[in-house]
Amino acid sequence: LGRLVATSPVPVLVDFWADWCAPCLAFAPQLDEFAHGQYGRVIVGKVDVDNNPGAIRKYEVQSVPTLGLWIDGRLLYRQPGILTATQLDTLVAPHRQYVV
């Protein structure tokens, strides 16, 4: 994750989740649909907290789900909970860009 967010030419939105987390599982289809609409403008990824304890410590994730948005290698936004499709779009819209 560290290398991706540091070198990505577009914003990176990450969902920290767990397979035992009911809200995480309920949010997954919505996030997948959002990701498909962002192709080439925003990278959307997922980090399983049970398999990545180092990332959880590094990015200070204290609950799941938690969303993080990195721009130019900096963590710009981190929030526990889920967002609606409109909220996701509002979050990334000012930072969206096309990679040519």
PDB file of N, CA and C in Angstrom:
ATOM      1  N   LEU A   1       0.827  -1.194   0.000  1.00  0.00           N
ATOM      2  CA  LEU A   1       0.000   0.000   0.000  1.00  0.00           C
ATOM      3  C   LEU A   1       0.869   1.254   0.000  1.00  0.00           C
ATOM      4  N   GLY A   2       1.929   1.259   0.782  1.00  0.00           N
ATOM      5  CA  GLY A   2       2.775   2.440   0.885  1.00  0.00           C
ATOM      6  C   GLY A   2       3.350   2.879  -0.445  1.00  0.00           C
ATOM      7  N   ARG A   3       3.846   1.935  -1.230  1.00  0.00           N
ATOM      8  CA  ARG A   3       4.428   2.267  -2.525  1.00  0.00           C
ATOM      9  C   ARG A   3       3.352   2.781  -3.482  1.00  0.00           C
ATOM     10  N   LEU A   4       2.188   2.153  -3.460  1.00  0.00           N
ATOM     11  CA  LEU A   4       1.100   2.570  -4.344  1.00  0.00           C
ATOM     12  C   LEU A   4       0.695   4.006  -4.066  1.00  0.00           C
ATOM     13  N   VAL A   5       0.432   4.337  -2.806  1.00  0.00           N
ATOM     14  CA  VAL A   5      -0.037   5.687  -2.507  1.00  0.00           C
ATOM     15  C   VAL A   5       1.054   6.727  -2.734  1.00  0.00           C
ATOM     16  N   ALA A   6       2.313   6.327  -2.602  1.00  0.00           N
ATOM     17  CA  ALA A   6       3.413   7.271  -2.799  1.00  0.00           C
ATOM     18  C   ALA A   6       3.672   7.574  -4.268  1.00  0.00           C
ATOM     19  N   THR A   7       3.360   6.635  -5.156  1.00  0.00           N
ATOM     20  CA  THR A   7       3.722   6.806  -6.563  1.00  0.00           C
ATOM     21  C   THR A   7       2.531   6.959  -7.501  1.00  0.00           C
ATOM     22  N   SER A   8       1.333   6.833  -7.017  1.00  0.00           N
ATOM     23  CA  SER A   8       0.166   6.887  -7.886  1.00  0.00           C
ATOM     24  C   SER A   8      -0.016   8.284  -8.486  1.00  0.00           C
ATOM     25  N   PRO A   9      -0.237   8.349  -9.800  1.00  0.00           N
ATOM     26  CA  PRO A   9      -0.490   9.644 -10.431  1.00  0.00           C
ATOM     27  C   PRO A   9      -1.933  10.127 -10.232  1.00  0.00           C
ATOM     28  N   VAL A  10      -2.777   9.267  -9.674  1.00  0.00           N
ATOM     29  CA  VAL A  10      -4.175   9.621  -9.406  1.00  0.00           C
ATOM     30  C   VAL A  10      -4.465   9.360  -7.931  1.00  0.00           C
ATOM     31  N   PRO A  11      -5.547   9.945  -7.397  1.00  0.00           N
ATOM     32  CA  PRO A  11      -5.914   9.683  -6.011  1.00  0.00           C
ATOM     33  C   PRO A  11      -6.128   8.187  -5.755  1.00  0.00           C
ATOM     34  N   VAL A  12      -5.871   7.773  -4.526  1.00  0.00           N
ATOM     35  CA  VAL A  12      -6.054   6.377  -4.114  1.00  0.00           C
ATOM     36  C   VAL A  12      -7.034   6.353  -2.944  1.00  0.00           C
ATOM     37  N   LEU A  13      -8.158   5.687  -3.138  1.00  0.00           N
ATOM     38  CA  LEU A  13      -9.170   5.514  -2.104  1.00  0.00           C
ATOM     39  C   LEU A  13      -9.084   4.085  -1.606  1.00  0.00           C
ATOM     40  N   VAL A  14      -8.894   3.907  -0.298  1.00  0.00           N
ATOM     41  CA  VAL A  14      -8.710   2.572   0.271  1.00  0.00           C
ATOM     42  C   VAL A  14      -9.783   2.301   1.319  1.00  0.00           C
ATOM     43  N   ASP A  15     -10.366   1.125   1.207  1.00  0.00           N
ATOM     44  CA  ASP A  15     -11.335   0.630   2.176  1.00  0.00           C
ATOM     45  C   ASP A  15     -10.626  -0.386   3.063  1.00  0.00           C
ATOM     46  N   PHE A  16     -10.451  -0.055   4.334  1.00  0.00           N
ATOM     47  CA  PHE A  16      -9.914  -1.001   5.313  1.00  0.00           C
ATOM     48  C   PHE A  16     -11.110  -1.782   5.837  1.00  0.00           C
ATOM     49  N   TRP A  17     -11.072  -3.086   5.659  1.00  0.00           N
ATOM     50  CA  TRP A  17     -12.247  -3.910   5.928  1.00  0.00           C
ATOM     51  C   TRP A  17     -11.849  -5.253   6.527  1.00  0.00           C
ATOM     52  N   ALA A  18     -12.856  -6.044   6.898  1.00  0.00           N
ATOM     53  CA  ALA A  18     -12.647  -7.415   7.386  1.00  0.00           C
ATOM     54  C   ALA A  18     -13.824  -8.271   6.934  1.00  0.00           C
ATOM     55  N   ASP A  19     -13.557  -9.540   6.685  1.00  0.00           N
ATOM     56  CA  ASP A  19     -14.629 -10.408   6.192  1.00  0.00           C
ATOM     57  C   ASP A  19     -15.645 -10.780   7.270  1.00  0.00           C
ATOM     58  N   TRP A  20     -15.350 -10.492   8.532  1.00  0.00           N
ATOM     59  CA  TRP A  20     -16.295 -10.758   9.614  1.00  0.00           C
ATOM     60  C   TRP A  20     -17.150  -9.518   9.929  1.00  0.00           C
ATOM     61  N   CYS A  21     -16.920  -8.425   9.220  1.00  0.00           N
ATOM     62  CA  CYS A  21     -17.577  -7.139   9.493  1.00  0.00           C
ATOM     63  C   CYS A  21     -18.805  -6.985   8.597  1.00  0.00           C
ATOM     64  N   ALA A  22     -19.989  -7.050   9.193  1.00  0.00           N
ATOM     65  CA  ALA A  22     -21.230  -6.947   8.410  1.00  0.00           C
ATOM     66  C   ALA A  22     -21.348  -5.629   7.641  1.00  0.00           C
ATOM     67  N   PRO A  23     -21.052  -4.458   8.236  1.00  0.00           N
ATOM     68  CA  PRO A  23     -21.117  -3.226   7.451  1.00  0.00           C
ATOM     69  C   PRO A  23     -20.129  -3.228   6.279  1.00  0.00           C
ATOM     70  N   CYS A  24     -18.961  -3.822   6.476  1.00  0.00           N
ATOM     71  CA  CYS A  24     -17.974  -3.916   5.397  1.00  0.00           C
ATOM     72  C   CYS A  24     -18.534  -4.704   4.225  1.00  0.00           C
ATOM     73  N   LEU A  25     -19.160  -5.833   4.530  1.00  0.00           N
ATOM     74  CA  LEU A  25     -19.721  -6.682   3.486  1.00  0.00           C
ATOM     75  C   LEU A  25     -20.894  -6.014   2.783  1.00  0.00           C
ATOM     76  N   ALA A  26     -21.689  -5.268   3.538  1.00  0.00           N
ATOM     77  CA  ALA A  26     -22.816  -4.560   2.940  1.00  0.00           C
ATOM     78  C   ALA A  26     -22.343  -3.415   2.040  1.00  0.00           C
ATOM     79  N   PHE A  27     -21.229  -2.789   2.370  1.00  0.00           N
ATOM     80  CA  PHE A  27     -20.689  -1.658   1.624  1.00  0.00           C
ATOM     81  C   PHE A  27     -19.935  -2.097   0.365  1.00  0.00           C
ATOM     82  N   ALA A  28     -19.440  -3.317   0.337  1.00  0.00           N
ATOM     83  CA  ALA A  28     -18.582  -3.789  -0.756  1.00  0.00           C
ATOM     84  C   ALA A  28     -19.197  -3.622  -2.149  1.00  0.00           C
ATOM     85  N   PRO A  29     -20.445  -4.014  -2.387  1.00  0.00           N
ATOM     86  CA  PRO A  29     -20.996  -3.841  -3.744  1.00  0.00           C
ATOM     87  C   PRO A  29     -21.072  -2.376  -4.172  1.00  0.00           C
ATOM     88  N   GLN A  30     -21.413  -1.512  -3.243  1.00  0.00           N
ATOM     89  CA  GLN A  30     -21.494  -0.077  -3.546  1.00  0.00           C
ATOM     90  C   GLN A  30     -20.115   0.472  -3.896  1.00  0.00           C
ATOM     91  N   LEU A  31     -19.096   0.070  -3.145  1.00  0.00           N
ATOM     92  CA  LEU A  31     -17.738   0.530  -3.419  1.00  0.00           C
ATOM     93  C   LEU A  31     -17.251  -0.018  -4.756  1.00  0.00           C
ATOM     94  N   ASP A  32     -17.563  -1.269  -5.059  1.00  0.00           N
ATOM     95  CA  ASP A  32     -17.182  -1.860  -6.346  1.00  0.00           C
ATOM     96  C   ASP A  32     -17.813  -1.091  -7.506  1.00  0.00           C
ATOM     97  N   GLU A  33     -19.076  -0.760  -7.379  1.00  0.00           N
ATOM     98  CA  GLU A  33     -19.760  -0.003  -8.425  1.00  0.00           C
ATOM     99  C   GLU A  33     -19.125   1.381  -8.588  1.00  0.00           C
ATOM    100  N   PHE A  34     -18.821   2.016  -7.485  1.00  0.00           N
ATOM    101  CA  PHE A  34     -18.157   3.325  -7.533  1.00  0.00           C
ATOM    102  C   PHE A  34     -16.803   3.201  -8.223  1.00  0.00           C
ATOM    103  N   ALA A  35     -16.050   2.170  -7.879  1.00  0.00           N
ATOM    104  CA  ALA A  35     -14.714   1.973  -8.450  1.00  0.00           C
ATOM    105  C   ALA A  35     -14.779   1.830  -9.965  1.00  0.00           C
ATOM    106  N   HIS A  36     -15.752   1.094 -10.470  1.00  0.00           N
ATOM    107  CA  HIS A  36     -15.879   0.908 -11.917  1.00  0.00           C
ATOM    108  C   HIS A  36     -16.118   2.239 -12.627  1.00  0.00           C
ATOM    109  N   GLY A  37     -16.833   3.145 -11.980  1.00  0.00           N
ATOM    110  CA  GLY A  37     -17.095   4.457 -12.560  1.00  0.00           C
ATOM    111  C   GLY A  37     -15.901   5.391 -12.511  1.00  0.00           C
ATOM    112  N   GLN A  38     -14.865   5.022 -11.768  1.00  0.00           N
ATOM    113  CA  GLN A  38     -13.688   5.882 -11.610  1.00  0.00           C
ATOM    114  C   GLN A  38     -12.502   5.419 -12.429  1.00  0.00           C
ATOM    115  N   TYR A  39     -12.678   4.401 -13.240  1.00  0.00           N
ATOM    116  CA  TYR A  39     -11.579   3.787 -13.977  1.00  0.00           C
ATOM    117  C   TYR A  39     -10.695   4.842 -14.649  1.00  0.00           C
ATOM    118  N   GLY A  40      -9.414   4.823 -14.306  1.00  0.00           N
ATOM    119  CA  GLY A  40      -8.447   5.739 -14.896  1.00  0.00           C
ATOM    120  C   GLY A  40      -8.344   7.079 -14.203  1.00  0.00           C
ATOM    121  N   ARG A  41      -9.243   7.363 -13.256  1.00  0.00           N
ATOM    122  CA  ARG A  41      -9.231   8.659 -12.577  1.00  0.00           C
ATOM    123  C   ARG A  41      -8.917   8.544 -11.090  1.00  0.00           C
ATOM    124  N   VAL A  42      -9.283   7.428 -10.505  1.00  0.00           N
ATOM    125  CA  VAL A  42      -9.059   7.173  -9.079  1.00  0.00           C
ATOM    126  C   VAL A  42      -8.789   5.677  -8.937  1.00  0.00           C
ATOM    127  N   ILE A  43      -7.804   5.318  -8.130  1.00  0.00           N
ATOM    128  CA  ILE A  43      -7.587   3.914  -7.807  1.00  0.00           C
ATOM    129  C   ILE A  43      -8.367   3.614  -6.535  1.00  0.00           C
ATOM    130  N   VAL A  44      -9.188   2.583  -6.581  1.00  0.00           N
ATOM    131  CA  VAL A  44      -9.959   2.168  -5.412  1.00  0.00           C
ATOM    132  C   VAL A  44      -9.462   0.789  -5.013  1.00  0.00           C
ATOM    133  N   GLY A  45      -9.045   0.665  -3.755  1.00  0.00           N
ATOM    134  CA  GLY A  45      -8.527  -0.604  -3.277  1.00  0.00           C
ATOM    135  C   GLY A  45      -9.091  -0.982  -1.927  1.00  0.00           C
ATOM    136  N   LYS A  46      -8.780  -2.203  -1.517  1.00  0.00           N
ATOM    137  CA  LYS A  46      -9.242  -2.715  -0.235  1.00  0.00           C
ATOM    138  C   LYS A  46      -8.058  -3.329   0.499  1.00  0.00           C
ATOM    139  N   VAL A  47      -8.031  -3.144   1.811  1.00  0.00           N
ATOM    140  CA  VAL A  47      -7.007  -3.747   2.660  1.00  0.00           C
ATOM    141  C   VAL A  47      -7.717  -4.532   3.747  1.00  0.00           C
ATOM    142  N   ASP A  48      -7.480  -5.835   3.766  1.00  0.00           N
ATOM    143  CA  ASP A  48      -8.043  -6.712   4.795  1.00  0.00           C
ATOM    144  C   ASP A  48      -7.236  -6.491   6.076  1.00  0.00           C
ATOM    145  N   VAL A  49      -7.886  -5.991   7.113  1.00  0.00           N
ATOM    146  CA  VAL A  49      -7.168  -5.631   8.343  1.00  0.00           C
ATOM    147  C   VAL A  49      -6.565  -6.843   9.046  1.00  0.00           C
ATOM    148  N   ASP A  50      -7.177  -8.008   8.889  1.00  0.00           N
ATOM    149  CA  ASP A  50      -6.646  -9.200   9.545  1.00  0.00           C
ATOM    150  C   ASP A  50      -5.353  -9.681   8.892  1.00  0.00           C
ATOM    151  N   ASN A  51      -5.193  -9.419   7.611  1.00  0.00           N
ATOM    152  CA  ASN A  51      -4.004  -9.861   6.886  1.00  0.00           C
ATOM    153  C   ASN A  51      -2.927  -8.792   6.767  1.00  0.00           C
ATOM    154  N   ASN A  52      -3.191  -7.587   7.250  1.00  0.00           N
ATOM    155  CA  ASN A  52      -2.252  -6.479   7.093  1.00  0.00           C
ATOM    156  C   ASN A  52      -2.116  -5.651   8.365  1.00  0.00           C
ATOM    157  N   PRO A  53      -1.686  -6.264   9.474  1.00  0.00           N
ATOM    158  CA  PRO A  53      -1.610  -5.513  10.736  1.00  0.00           C
ATOM    159  C   PRO A  53      -0.612  -4.353  10.670  1.00  0.00           C
ATOM    160  N   GLY A  54       0.424  -4.454   9.859  1.00  0.00           N
ATOM    161  CA  GLY A  54       1.387  -3.360   9.737  1.00  0.00           C
ATOM    162  C   GLY A  54       0.753  -2.116   9.140  1.00  0.00           C
ATOM    163  N   ALA A  55      -0.075  -2.309   8.127  1.00  0.00           N
ATOM    164  CA  ALA A  55      -0.766  -1.173   7.505  1.00  0.00           C
ATOM    165  C   ALA A  55      -1.744  -0.536   8.482  1.00  0.00           C
ATOM    166  N   ILE A  56      -2.371  -1.357   9.288  1.00  0.00           N
ATOM    167  CA  ILE A  56      -3.342  -0.846  10.260  1.00  0.00           C
ATOM    168  C   ILE A  56      -2.643   0.055  11.270  1.00  0.00           C
ATOM    169  N   ARG A  57      -1.493  -0.382  11.743  1.00  0.00           N
ATOM    170  CA  ARG A  57      -0.725   0.457  12.680  1.00  0.00           C
ATOM    171  C   ARG A  57      -0.225   1.723  11.995  1.00  0.00           C
ATOM    172  N   LYS A  58       0.343   1.564  10.812  1.00  0.00           N
ATOM    173  CA  LYS A  58       0.930   2.704  10.098  1.00  0.00           C
ATOM    174  C   LYS A  58      -0.102   3.787   9.807  1.00  0.00           C
ATOM    175  N   TYR A  59      -1.299   3.395   9.398  1.00  0.00           N
ATOM    176  CA  TYR A  59      -2.326   4.363   9.025  1.00  0.00           C
ATOM    177  C   TYR A  59      -3.346   4.612  10.130  1.00  0.00           C
ATOM    178  N   GLU A  60      -3.061   4.075  11.322  1.00  0.00           N
ATOM    179  CA  GLU A  60      -3.857   4.323  12.535  1.00  0.00           C
ATOM    180  C   GLU A  60      -5.344   4.013  12.344  1.00  0.00           C
ATOM    181  N   VAL A  61      -5.611   2.878  11.734  1.00  0.00           N
ATOM    182  CA  VAL A  61      -6.985   2.421  11.554  1.00  0.00           C
ATOM    183  C   VAL A  61      -7.423   1.755  12.848  1.00  0.00           C
ATOM    184  N   GLN A  62      -8.499   2.273  13.429  1.00  0.00           N
ATOM    185  CA  GLN A  62      -8.942   1.770  14.728  1.00  0.00           C
ATOM    186  C   GLN A  62     -10.243   0.981  14.668  1.00  0.00           C
ATOM    187  N   SER A  63     -10.958   1.085  13.536  1.00  0.00           N
ATOM    188  CA  SER A  63     -12.196   0.323  13.390  1.00  0.00           C
ATOM    189  C   SER A  63     -12.433   0.066  11.911  1.00  0.00           C
ATOM    190  N   VAL A  64     -13.311  -0.876  11.642  1.00  0.00           N
ATOM    191  CA  VAL A  64     -13.669  -1.180  10.261  1.00  0.00           C
ATOM    192  C   VAL A  64     -15.169  -1.047  10.096  1.00  0.00           C
ATOM    193  N   PRO A  65     -15.597  -0.617   8.953  1.00  0.00           N
ATOM    194  CA  PRO A  65     -14.763  -0.149   7.854  1.00  0.00           C
ATOM    195  C   PRO A  65     -14.213   1.249   8.121  1.00  0.00           C
ATOM    196  N   THR A  66     -13.079   1.534   7.521  1.00  0.00           N
ATOM    197  CA  THR A  66     -12.497   2.875   7.521  1.00  0.00           C
ATOM    198  C   THR A  66     -12.056   3.165   6.089  1.00  0.00           C
ATOM    199  N   LEU A  67     -12.353   4.363   5.623  1.00  0.00           N
ATOM    200  CA  LEU A  67     -11.928   4.789   4.295  1.00  0.00           C
ATOM    201  C   LEU A  67     -10.776   5.779   4.426  1.00  0.00           C
ATOM    202  N   GLY A  68      -9.813   5.647   3.532  1.00  0.00           N
ATOM    203  CA  GLY A  68      -8.701   6.588   3.481  1.00  0.00           C
ATOM    204  C   GLY A  68      -8.519   7.069   2.057  1.00  0.00           C
ATOM    205  N   LEU A  69      -8.180   8.346   1.891  1.00  0.00           N
ATOM    206  CA  LEU A  69      -7.937   8.909   0.563  1.00  0.00           C
ATOM    207  C   LEU A  69      -6.557   9.548   0.559  1.00  0.00           C
ATOM    208  N   TRP A  70      -5.711   9.061  -0.355  1.00  0.00           N
ATOM    209  CA  TRP A  70      -4.359   9.585  -0.509  1.00  0.00           C
ATOM    210  C   TRP A  70      -4.270  10.386  -1.795  1.00  0.00           C
ATOM    211  N   ILE A  71      -3.651  11.554  -1.713  1.00  0.00           N
ATOM    212  CA  ILE A  71      -3.391  12.406  -2.863  1.00  0.00           C
ATOM    213  C   ILE A  71      -1.909  12.742  -2.837  1.00  0.00           C
ATOM    214  N   ASP A  72      -1.217  12.472  -3.926  1.00  0.00           N
ATOM    215  CA  ASP A  72       0.220  12.786  -4.012  1.00  0.00           C
ATOM    216  C   ASP A  72       1.007  12.212  -2.833  1.00  0.00           C
ATOM    217  N   GLY A  73       0.639  11.012  -2.417  1.00  0.00           N
ATOM    218  CA  GLY A  73       1.365  10.340  -1.350  1.00  0.00           C
ATOM    219  C   GLY A  73       0.991  10.759   0.055  1.00  0.00           C
ATOM    220  N   ARG A  74       0.087  11.704   0.207  1.00  0.00           N
ATOM    221  CA  ARG A  74      -0.330  12.173   1.542  1.00  0.00           C
ATOM    222  C   ARG A  74      -1.732  11.669   1.873  1.00  0.00           C
ATOM    223  N   LEU A  75      -1.904  11.240   3.101  1.00  0.00           N
ATOM    224  CA  LEU A  75      -3.229  10.843   3.562  1.00  0.00           C
ATOM    225  C   LEU A  75      -4.025  12.116   3.795  1.00  0.00           C
ATOM    226  N   LEU A  76      -4.997  12.355   2.931  1.00  0.00           N
ATOM    227  CA  LEU A  76      -5.781  13.579   2.976  1.00  0.00           C
ATOM    228  C   LEU A  76      -7.055  13.403   3.806  1.00  0.00           C
ATOM    229  N   TYR A  77      -7.569  12.179   3.831  1.00  0.00           N
ATOM    230  CA  TYR A  77      -8.863  11.926   4.457  1.00  0.00           C
ATOM    231  C   TYR A  77      -8.880  10.524   5.032  1.00  0.00           C
ATOM    232  N   ARG A  78      -9.357  10.410   6.260  1.00  0.00           N
ATOM    233  CA  ARG A  78      -9.549   9.088   6.862  1.00  0.00           C
ATOM    234  C   ARG A  78     -10.780   9.184   7.750  1.00  0.00           C
ATOM    235  N   GLN A  79     -11.695   8.228   7.562  1.00  0.00           N
ATOM    236  CA  GLN A  79     -12.920   8.239   8.354  1.00  0.00           C
ATOM    237  C   GLN A  79     -13.444   6.833   8.548  1.00  0.00           C
ATOM    238  N   PRO A  80     -13.770   6.495   9.775  1.00  0.00           N
ATOM    239  CA  PRO A  80     -14.445   5.216   9.980  1.00  0.00           C
ATOM    240  C   PRO A  80     -15.870   5.290   9.456  1.00  0.00           C
ATOM    241  N   GLY A  81     -16.384   4.157   9.060  1.00  0.00           N
ATOM    242  CA  GLY A  81     -17.752   4.099   8.570  1.00  0.00           C
ATOM    243  C   GLY A  81     -17.794   4.020   7.059  1.00  0.00           C
ATOM    244  N   ILE A  82     -19.000   4.032   6.536  1.00  0.00           N
ATOM    245  CA  ILE A  82     -19.179   3.938   5.090  1.00  0.00           C
ATOM    246  C   ILE A  82     -19.793   5.237   4.585  1.00  0.00           C
ATOM    247  N   LEU A  83     -19.648   5.457   3.289  1.00  0.00           N
ATOM    248  CA  LEU A  83     -20.221   6.639   2.655  1.00  0.00           C
ATOM    249  C   LEU A  83     -21.198   6.195   1.569  1.00  0.00           C
ATOM    250  N   THR A  84     -22.148   7.040   1.284  1.00  0.00           N
ATOM    251  CA  THR A  84     -23.055   6.778   0.163  1.00  0.00           C
ATOM    252  C   THR A  84     -22.293   7.036  -1.137  1.00  0.00           C
ATOM    253  N   ALA A  85     -22.872   6.625  -2.249  1.00  0.00           N
ATOM    254  CA  ALA A  85     -22.247   6.864  -3.556  1.00  0.00           C
ATOM    255  C   ALA A  85     -22.054   8.366  -3.784  1.00  0.00           C
ATOM    256  N   THR A  86     -23.035   9.166  -3.395  1.00  0.00           N
ATOM    257  CA  THR A  86     -22.933  10.620  -3.551  1.00  0.00           C
ATOM    258  C   THR A  86     -21.808  11.176  -2.695  1.00  0.00           C
ATOM    259  N   GLN A  87     -21.690  10.693  -1.462  1.00  0.00           N
ATOM    260  CA  GLN A  87     -20.609  11.152  -0.585  1.00  0.00           C
ATOM    261  C   GLN A  87     -19.241  10.745  -1.125  1.00  0.00           C
ATOM    262  N   LEU A  88     -19.129   9.536  -1.662  1.00  0.00           N
ATOM    263  CA  LEU A  88     -17.869   9.090  -2.264  1.00  0.00           C
ATOM    264  C   LEU A  88     -17.493   9.997  -3.425  1.00  0.00           C
ATOM    265  N   ASP A  89     -18.460  10.292  -4.269  1.00  0.00           N
ATOM    266  CA  ASP A  89     -18.195  11.149  -5.416  1.00  0.00           C
ATOM    267  C   ASP A  89     -17.786  12.549  -4.974  1.00  0.00           C
ATOM    268  N   THR A  90     -18.451  13.096  -3.985  1.00  0.00           N
ATOM    269  CA  THR A  90     -18.116  14.419  -3.459  1.00  0.00           C
ATOM    270  C   THR A  90     -16.714  14.424  -2.869  1.00  0.00           C
ATOM    271  N   LEU A  91     -16.328  13.351  -2.219  1.00  0.00           N
ATOM    272  CA  LEU A  91     -15.002  13.246  -1.611  1.00  0.00           C
ATOM    273  C   LEU A  91     -13.892  13.281  -2.657  1.00  0.00           C
ATOM    274  N   VAL A  92     -14.049  12.530  -3.725  1.00  0.00           N
ATOM    275  CA  VAL A  92     -12.968  12.413  -4.704  1.00  0.00           C
ATOM    276  C   VAL A  92     -13.049  13.436  -5.828  1.00  0.00           C
ATOM    277  N   ALA A  93     -14.211  14.036  -6.064  1.00  0.00           N
ATOM    278  CA  ALA A  93     -14.389  14.923  -7.215  1.00  0.00           C
ATOM    279  C   ALA A  93     -13.339  16.028  -7.323  1.00  0.00           C
ATOM    280  N   PRO A  94     -12.971  16.718  -6.263  1.00  0.00           N
ATOM    281  CA  PRO A  94     -11.979  17.790  -6.427  1.00  0.00           C
ATOM    282  C   PRO A  94     -10.588  17.291  -6.799  1.00  0.00           C
ATOM    283  N   HIS A  95     -10.345  16.006  -6.634  1.00  0.00           N
ATOM    284  CA  HIS A  95      -9.002  15.453  -6.831  1.00  0.00           C
ATOM    285  C   HIS A  95      -8.891  14.532  -8.046  1.00  0.00           C
ATOM    286  N   ARG A  96     -10.041  14.230  -8.644  1.00  0.00           N
ATOM    287  CA  ARG A  96     -10.081  13.313  -9.776  1.00  0.00           C
ATOM    288  C   ARG A  96      -9.268  13.867 -10.946  1.00  0.00           C
ATOM    289  N   GLN A  97      -8.575  13.003 -11.613  1.00  0.00           N
ATOM    290  CA  GLN A  97      -7.826  13.399 -12.801  1.00  0.00           C
ATOM    291  C   GLN A  97      -7.672  12.197 -13.706  1.00  0.00           C
ATOM    292  N   TYR A  98      -7.450  12.484 -14.967  1.00  0.00           N
ATOM    293  CA  TYR A  98      -7.248  11.414 -15.928  1.00  0.00           C
ATOM    294  C   TYR A  98      -5.761  11.201 -16.136  1.00  0.00           C
ATOM    295  N   VAL A  99      -5.378   9.952 -16.255  1.00  0.00           N
ATOM    296  CA  VAL A  99      -3.996   9.627 -16.577  1.00  0.00           C
ATOM    297  C   VAL A  99      -3.935   9.441 -18.090  1.00  0.00           C
ATOM    298  N   VAL A 100      -3.068  10.173 -18.713  1.00  0.00           N
ATOM    299  CA  VAL A 100      -2.952  10.118 -20.178  1.00  0.00           C
ATOM    300  C   VAL A 100      -1.803   9.220 -20.552  1.00  0.00           C
TER     301      VAL A 100
END
